[in-house]
N, C-alpha and C. Protein backbone atom coordinates (compact mmCIF):
# COMPACT_ATOMS: atom_id res chain seq x y z
N MET A 1 18.07 126.99 114.71
CA MET A 1 17.37 127.18 115.96
C MET A 1 17.22 128.67 116.21
N ARG A 2 16.02 129.13 116.35
CA ARG A 2 15.79 130.55 116.60
C ARG A 2 16.16 130.90 118.03
N THR A 3 16.55 132.16 118.23
CA THR A 3 16.88 132.62 119.57
C THR A 3 16.50 134.10 119.70
N ILE A 4 16.20 134.52 120.90
CA ILE A 4 15.86 135.91 121.14
C ILE A 4 17.07 136.70 121.64
N VAL A 5 18.21 136.02 121.78
CA VAL A 5 19.42 136.66 122.29
C VAL A 5 20.20 137.29 121.15
N GLU A 6 20.56 138.55 121.32
CA GLU A 6 21.40 139.27 120.36
C GLU A 6 22.75 139.51 121.04
N TYR A 7 23.80 138.92 120.51
CA TYR A 7 25.13 139.06 121.09
C TYR A 7 25.86 140.21 120.40
N THR A 8 26.16 141.27 121.15
CA THR A 8 26.87 142.41 120.61
C THR A 8 27.56 143.17 121.73
N ASP A 9 28.69 143.78 121.39
CA ASP A 9 29.38 144.63 122.35
C ASP A 9 29.08 146.10 122.07
N ALA A 10 28.40 146.38 120.96
CA ALA A 10 28.09 147.77 120.59
C ALA A 10 26.95 148.35 121.43
N LYS A 11 26.05 147.51 121.91
CA LYS A 11 24.92 147.98 122.71
C LYS A 11 25.11 147.53 124.15
N ARG A 12 24.47 148.23 125.06
CA ARG A 12 24.58 147.83 126.46
C ARG A 12 23.61 146.67 126.72
N PRO A 13 23.94 145.78 127.66
CA PRO A 13 23.08 144.62 127.94
C PRO A 13 21.68 145.05 128.38
N ARG A 14 20.68 144.36 127.84
CA ARG A 14 19.29 144.71 128.14
C ARG A 14 18.44 143.45 128.18
N ASN A 15 17.56 143.36 129.15
CA ASN A 15 16.66 142.23 129.28
C ASN A 15 15.24 142.68 128.93
N GLN A 16 14.80 142.35 127.74
CA GLN A 16 13.43 142.64 127.32
C GLN A 16 12.69 141.32 127.08
N TYR A 17 12.92 140.36 127.97
CA TYR A 17 12.30 139.05 127.85
C TYR A 17 10.78 139.21 127.88
N PRO A 18 10.03 138.57 127.05
CA PRO A 18 10.29 137.48 126.12
C PRO A 18 10.56 137.94 124.69
N ARG A 19 10.61 139.23 124.42
CA ARG A 19 10.84 139.68 123.04
C ARG A 19 12.28 139.58 122.61
N ARG A 20 13.20 140.11 123.43
CA ARG A 20 14.60 140.19 123.02
C ARG A 20 15.50 140.35 124.24
N ILE A 21 16.71 139.83 124.12
CA ILE A 21 17.72 139.99 125.17
C ILE A 21 19.01 140.41 124.47
N VAL A 22 19.58 141.54 124.88
CA VAL A 22 20.86 141.99 124.35
C VAL A 22 21.93 141.55 125.34
N SER A 23 22.95 140.85 124.85
CA SER A 23 23.96 140.25 125.71
C SER A 23 25.35 140.57 125.19
N PRO A 24 26.34 140.70 126.09
CA PRO A 24 27.73 140.82 125.63
C PRO A 24 28.17 139.54 124.92
N THR A 25 29.20 139.63 124.10
CA THR A 25 29.64 138.47 123.33
C THR A 25 30.44 137.48 124.15
N ARG A 26 31.07 137.94 125.25
CA ARG A 26 31.89 137.05 126.07
C ARG A 26 31.47 137.11 127.53
N PRO A 27 31.55 135.99 128.25
CA PRO A 27 31.23 136.02 129.68
C PRO A 27 32.35 136.68 130.48
N ALA A 28 31.99 137.19 131.64
CA ALA A 28 32.96 137.78 132.56
C ALA A 28 33.20 136.80 133.72
N ALA A 29 34.09 137.18 134.62
CA ALA A 29 34.40 136.32 135.76
C ALA A 29 33.20 136.16 136.69
N CYS A 30 32.31 137.14 136.72
CA CYS A 30 31.15 137.09 137.61
C CYS A 30 30.09 136.10 137.16
N CYS A 31 30.12 135.66 135.91
CA CYS A 31 29.05 134.83 135.35
C CYS A 31 28.92 133.46 136.01
N ALA A 32 30.00 132.92 136.52
CA ALA A 32 29.93 131.59 137.14
C ALA A 32 29.04 131.58 138.37
N ASP A 33 28.99 132.68 139.11
CA ASP A 33 28.22 132.73 140.35
C ASP A 33 26.88 133.44 140.21
N GLN A 34 26.73 134.29 139.23
CA GLN A 34 25.56 135.18 139.16
C GLN A 34 24.49 134.76 138.15
N MET A 35 24.59 133.60 137.52
CA MET A 35 23.62 133.20 136.48
C MET A 35 22.27 132.84 137.11
N LYS A 36 21.22 133.47 136.60
CA LYS A 36 19.85 133.24 137.07
C LYS A 36 18.97 132.85 135.88
N VAL A 37 18.04 131.93 136.10
CA VAL A 37 17.09 131.53 135.06
C VAL A 37 16.08 132.65 134.87
N ILE A 38 15.84 133.02 133.62
CA ILE A 38 14.81 134.03 133.34
C ILE A 38 13.73 133.38 132.49
N GLY A 39 12.51 133.71 132.77
CA GLY A 39 11.39 133.19 132.01
C GLY A 39 11.06 131.75 132.34
N LYS A 40 10.37 131.12 131.41
CA LYS A 40 9.93 129.74 131.59
C LYS A 40 10.64 128.83 130.60
N GLN A 41 10.42 127.55 130.75
CA GLN A 41 11.04 126.56 129.87
C GLN A 41 10.40 126.63 128.49
N HIS A 42 11.22 126.56 127.43
CA HIS A 42 10.76 126.61 126.05
C HIS A 42 11.04 125.27 125.38
N ARG A 43 10.41 125.06 124.24
CA ARG A 43 10.64 123.83 123.48
C ARG A 43 10.88 124.19 122.02
N ASP A 44 12.07 123.85 121.54
CA ASP A 44 12.43 124.00 120.14
C ASP A 44 13.58 123.04 119.88
N ARG A 45 13.29 121.86 119.36
CA ARG A 45 14.28 120.79 119.17
C ARG A 45 14.88 120.35 120.50
N GLY A 46 14.18 120.54 121.56
CA GLY A 46 14.63 120.19 122.89
C GLY A 46 14.09 121.21 123.88
N LYS A 47 14.18 120.90 125.16
CA LYS A 47 13.70 121.82 126.18
C LYS A 47 14.87 122.67 126.65
N PHE A 48 14.66 123.97 126.76
CA PHE A 48 15.73 124.85 127.18
C PHE A 48 15.20 126.02 127.98
N VAL A 49 16.10 126.68 128.70
CA VAL A 49 15.81 127.90 129.45
C VAL A 49 16.91 128.90 129.13
N TYR A 50 16.61 130.18 129.33
CA TYR A 50 17.62 131.22 129.20
C TYR A 50 18.18 131.51 130.58
N LYS A 51 19.52 131.61 130.68
CA LYS A 51 20.17 131.99 131.92
C LYS A 51 20.93 133.28 131.67
N ARG A 52 20.81 134.23 132.61
CA ARG A 52 21.42 135.53 132.44
C ARG A 52 22.18 135.92 133.69
N CYS A 53 23.36 136.49 133.51
CA CYS A 53 24.16 136.96 134.64
C CYS A 53 23.52 138.24 135.16
N SER A 54 23.23 138.27 136.45
CA SER A 54 22.56 139.43 137.01
C SER A 54 23.50 140.64 137.15
N LYS A 55 24.80 140.41 137.01
CA LYS A 55 25.74 141.52 137.15
C LYS A 55 26.13 142.15 135.81
N CYS A 56 26.57 141.32 134.85
CA CYS A 56 27.05 141.88 133.58
C CYS A 56 26.07 141.73 132.42
N GLY A 57 25.06 140.86 132.55
CA GLY A 57 24.05 140.71 131.51
C GLY A 57 24.33 139.64 130.48
N TYR A 58 25.41 138.88 130.62
CA TYR A 58 25.70 137.81 129.66
C TYR A 58 24.60 136.75 129.73
N THR A 59 24.11 136.32 128.57
CA THR A 59 22.98 135.39 128.51
C THR A 59 23.34 134.16 127.70
N VAL A 60 22.92 132.99 128.16
CA VAL A 60 23.12 131.74 127.44
C VAL A 60 21.80 130.98 127.38
N ARG A 61 21.74 130.07 126.45
CA ARG A 61 20.58 129.20 126.30
C ARG A 61 20.99 127.82 126.80
N CYS A 62 20.39 127.35 127.88
CA CYS A 62 20.76 126.08 128.49
C CYS A 62 19.74 125.01 128.12
N VAL A 63 20.22 123.93 127.51
CA VAL A 63 19.35 122.81 127.16
C VAL A 63 19.15 121.98 128.42
N VAL A 64 17.89 121.75 128.78
CA VAL A 64 17.57 120.99 129.98
C VAL A 64 16.95 119.63 129.67
N GLY A 65 16.68 119.36 128.40
CA GLY A 65 16.12 118.07 128.02
C GLY A 65 16.01 117.96 126.52
N LEU A 66 16.07 116.74 126.02
CA LEU A 66 15.94 116.50 124.59
C LEU A 66 14.49 116.25 124.22
N ASP A 67 14.10 116.69 123.05
CA ASP A 67 12.76 116.45 122.55
C ASP A 67 12.83 115.19 121.68
N TRP A 68 12.53 114.05 122.27
CA TRP A 68 12.67 112.78 121.56
C TRP A 68 11.73 112.67 120.38
N ARG A 69 10.60 113.35 120.40
CA ARG A 69 9.71 113.32 119.23
C ARG A 69 10.39 113.95 118.02
N TRP A 70 11.10 115.07 118.22
CA TRP A 70 11.80 115.73 117.12
C TRP A 70 12.95 114.85 116.62
N ILE A 71 13.70 114.24 117.53
CA ILE A 71 14.81 113.38 117.15
C ILE A 71 14.31 112.17 116.35
N ARG A 72 13.22 111.55 116.81
CA ARG A 72 12.66 110.41 116.11
C ARG A 72 12.20 110.79 114.71
N ALA A 73 11.59 111.98 114.57
CA ALA A 73 11.14 112.44 113.25
C ALA A 73 12.32 112.67 112.32
N GLN A 74 13.41 113.24 112.84
CA GLN A 74 14.59 113.47 112.01
C GLN A 74 15.24 112.16 111.58
N LEU A 75 15.30 111.19 112.48
CA LEU A 75 15.89 109.91 112.14
C LEU A 75 15.05 109.14 111.13
N SER A 76 13.75 109.28 111.19
CA SER A 76 12.90 108.56 110.24
C SER A 76 13.03 109.14 108.84
N GLN A 77 13.44 110.41 108.72
CA GLN A 77 13.60 111.04 107.41
C GLN A 77 15.03 110.93 106.88
N ALA A 78 15.94 110.41 107.68
CA ALA A 78 17.35 110.30 107.27
C ALA A 78 17.50 109.25 106.19
N PRO A 79 18.38 109.49 105.21
CA PRO A 79 18.57 108.49 104.15
C PRO A 79 19.22 107.23 104.71
N ARG A 80 18.80 106.09 104.20
CA ARG A 80 19.35 104.81 104.62
C ARG A 80 20.61 104.51 103.81
N PRO A 81 21.57 103.81 104.39
CA PRO A 81 22.78 103.49 103.63
C PRO A 81 22.48 102.52 102.48
N VAL A 82 23.16 102.72 101.38
CA VAL A 82 23.01 101.85 100.21
C VAL A 82 23.88 100.62 100.41
N ALA A 83 23.46 99.49 99.87
CA ALA A 83 24.18 98.24 100.08
C ALA A 83 25.64 98.34 99.64
N SER A 84 25.94 99.06 98.56
CA SER A 84 27.32 99.15 98.08
C SER A 84 28.18 100.01 99.00
N LEU A 85 27.58 100.86 99.82
CA LEU A 85 28.35 101.72 100.71
C LEU A 85 28.60 101.07 102.07
N ARG A 86 27.94 99.97 102.34
CA ARG A 86 28.14 99.30 103.62
C ARG A 86 29.52 98.67 103.67
N SER A 87 30.02 98.45 104.86
CA SER A 87 31.34 97.82 104.99
C SER A 87 31.25 96.36 104.56
N HIS A 88 32.38 95.82 104.16
CA HIS A 88 32.43 94.44 103.71
C HIS A 88 32.21 93.50 104.88
N PRO A 89 31.78 92.28 104.61
CA PRO A 89 31.66 91.30 105.69
C PRO A 89 33.00 91.09 106.38
N TRP A 90 32.95 90.54 107.57
CA TRP A 90 34.15 90.38 108.38
C TRP A 90 35.23 89.58 107.67
N ARG A 91 34.85 88.58 106.89
CA ARG A 91 35.82 87.72 106.20
C ARG A 91 36.63 88.48 105.16
N GLU A 92 36.08 89.55 104.62
CA GLU A 92 36.75 90.26 103.54
C GLU A 92 37.60 91.43 104.02
N THR A 93 37.73 91.63 105.29
CA THR A 93 38.54 92.73 105.79
C THR A 93 40.00 92.35 105.84
N TRP A 94 40.88 93.31 105.91
CA TRP A 94 42.32 93.04 105.93
C TRP A 94 42.74 92.28 107.17
N ILE A 95 41.97 92.41 108.26
CA ILE A 95 42.31 91.68 109.49
C ILE A 95 42.12 90.19 109.25
N ALA A 96 41.06 89.81 108.56
CA ALA A 96 40.82 88.40 108.29
C ALA A 96 41.93 87.83 107.41
N TYR A 97 42.36 88.57 106.39
CA TYR A 97 43.42 88.10 105.53
C TYR A 97 44.74 87.98 106.28
N ARG A 98 44.94 88.84 107.21
CA ARG A 98 46.18 88.80 107.99
C ARG A 98 46.28 87.51 108.80
N TRP A 99 45.18 87.05 109.34
CA TRP A 99 45.19 85.84 110.17
C TRP A 99 45.15 84.58 109.32
N VAL A 100 44.62 84.66 108.11
CA VAL A 100 44.55 83.49 107.24
C VAL A 100 45.90 83.19 106.63
N SER A 101 46.66 84.19 106.27
CA SER A 101 47.94 83.99 105.57
C SER A 101 48.96 83.31 106.41
């Protein structure tokens, strides 16, 4: 998943949305109260927005919805289980033998 956020402590926090956002690597105590949505909603394997602390500059990517078209496409391309890899029928499990004996 691509992102425009660069997490580093070597540079000072900078908001150059929509090109790039420089963010500290860890949140501070102020982040719980000061997070603001920046920009508009994006779509990449789901709907998301960027939230940035107005005090320290910490930025996160918040998923606000799933893209069901992408999920459906991934599931349709997933390999199907082979018959030999499936679990045995209920009669052949150890639980069935335990009750029969």
